[in-house]
Protein backbone atom coordinates (compact mmCIF):
# COMPACT_ATOMS: atom_id res chain seq x y z
CA MET A 1 0.30 -0.45 0.06
CA GLY A 2 1.68 3.66 -1.24
CA ALA A 3 1.23 6.87 0.09
CA ASP A 4 -2.00 7.18 -2.95
CA SER A 5 -4.34 4.71 -1.23
CA ARG A 6 -4.55 6.70 1.11
CA GLU A 7 -7.26 8.84 0.65
CA VAL A 8 -8.90 10.09 4.27
CA MET A 9 -6.33 10.96 6.57
CA ASN A 10 -6.34 11.84 10.53
CA ILE A 11 -4.51 15.34 11.62
CA ARG A 12 -1.74 13.67 12.00
CA GLN A 13 -1.66 12.39 8.53
CA ALA A 14 -2.41 15.43 6.57
CA SER A 15 -0.67 17.76 8.99
CA GLN A 16 2.42 15.58 7.45
CA TYR A 17 1.13 15.65 4.16
CA LEU A 18 0.17 19.55 4.37
CA GLY A 19 4.11 20.57 5.64
CA VAL A 20 2.29 21.63 8.52
CA SER A 21 1.79 21.05 12.32
CA PRO A 22 -0.86 19.24 13.89
CA ASP A 23 -1.97 22.44 16.66
CA THR A 24 -2.32 24.29 13.57
CA LEU A 25 -4.37 22.18 11.32
CA TYR A 26 -6.28 21.79 14.68
CA LYS A 27 -6.97 25.77 14.54
CA TYR A 28 -7.08 25.84 10.40
CA VAL A 29 -10.23 23.12 11.39
CA TYR A 30 -11.91 25.53 13.80
CA GLU A 31 -11.79 27.94 12.41
CA GLU A 32 -13.38 26.50 9.00
CA LYS A 33 -10.33 27.93 6.64
CA ILE A 34 -9.11 24.08 5.58
CA PRO A 35 -11.91 21.77 4.00
CA ALA A 36 -12.48 18.21 6.82
CA PHE A 37 -14.95 16.85 8.66
CA LYS A 38 -15.39 14.47 11.09
CA LEU A 39 -15.89 10.70 11.35
CA GLY A 40 -16.94 9.30 14.67
CA ASN A 41 -15.03 12.41 16.65
CA ARG A 42 -12.23 12.44 15.02
CA TRP A 43 -11.27 14.67 12.35
CA LYS A 44 -10.24 13.13 8.77
CA PHE A 45 -9.44 14.88 5.46
CA LYS A 46 -9.63 13.23 1.65
CA LYS A 47 -6.84 13.99 0.02
CA THR A 48 -8.09 14.99 -3.10
CA ILE A 49 -10.49 18.10 -1.22
CA LEU A 50 -7.31 18.77 0.32
CA ASP A 51 -5.23 18.81 -3.18
CA THR A 52 -8.44 21.03 -4.76
CA TRP A 53 -7.82 23.35 -1.85
CA MET A 54 -4.63 23.74 -2.09
CA GLU A 55 -4.30 24.15 -5.83
CA GLN A 56 -7.54 26.66 -5.35
CA LYS A 57 -5.89 29.27 -1.86
CA SER A 58 -2.18 29.38 -4.13
CA SER A 59 -3.55 30.51 -6.79
CA VAL A 60 -5.74 33.20 -4.90
CA GLY A 61 -2.99 33.93 -3.50
CA GLU A 62 -1.24 35.44 -6.63
CA ALA A 63 -3.97 36.80 -7.82
CA LYS A 64 -4.15 38.26 -4.64
CA SER A 65 -0.55 39.26 -4.86
CA THR A 66 -1.14 41.53 -7.81
CA LYS A 67 -3.15 43.60 -6.42
CA LYS A 68 -2.79 44.56 -2.67
CA LYS A 69 -0.64 45.45 -0.99
CA PRO A 70 1.26 44.25 1.58
CA ARG A 71 -0.84 44.08 4.94
CA ALA A 72 2.11 45.80 6.49
CA ALA A 73 2.34 49.14 2.97
CA ARG A 74 -1.98 49.33 4.01
CA ALA A 75 -1.54 49.71 7.50
CA ALA A 76 1.60 52.94 7.31
CA ALA A 77 -0.04 54.32 3.91
CA GLY A 78 -3.53 53.24 6.27
CA GLY A 79 -3.41 56.88 8.54
CA GLN A 80 -1.33 57.06 12.33
């Protein structure tokens, strides 16, 4: 069984896959920033949905970076 056969991942597996700590992943789940579902009392993540989510986030991030000033620049321009 290879890594691709793990379509549904738990918090630990998903955090390794995404390269974030389990604590950060829990935070994203509770803030509804990342797609997840509960199976019993455990959070689960579907790999294909995470892949789609990451693809959307990366394309949105690229679009935002060309349209908006960085947060620090906006704060500095906004008044003191």
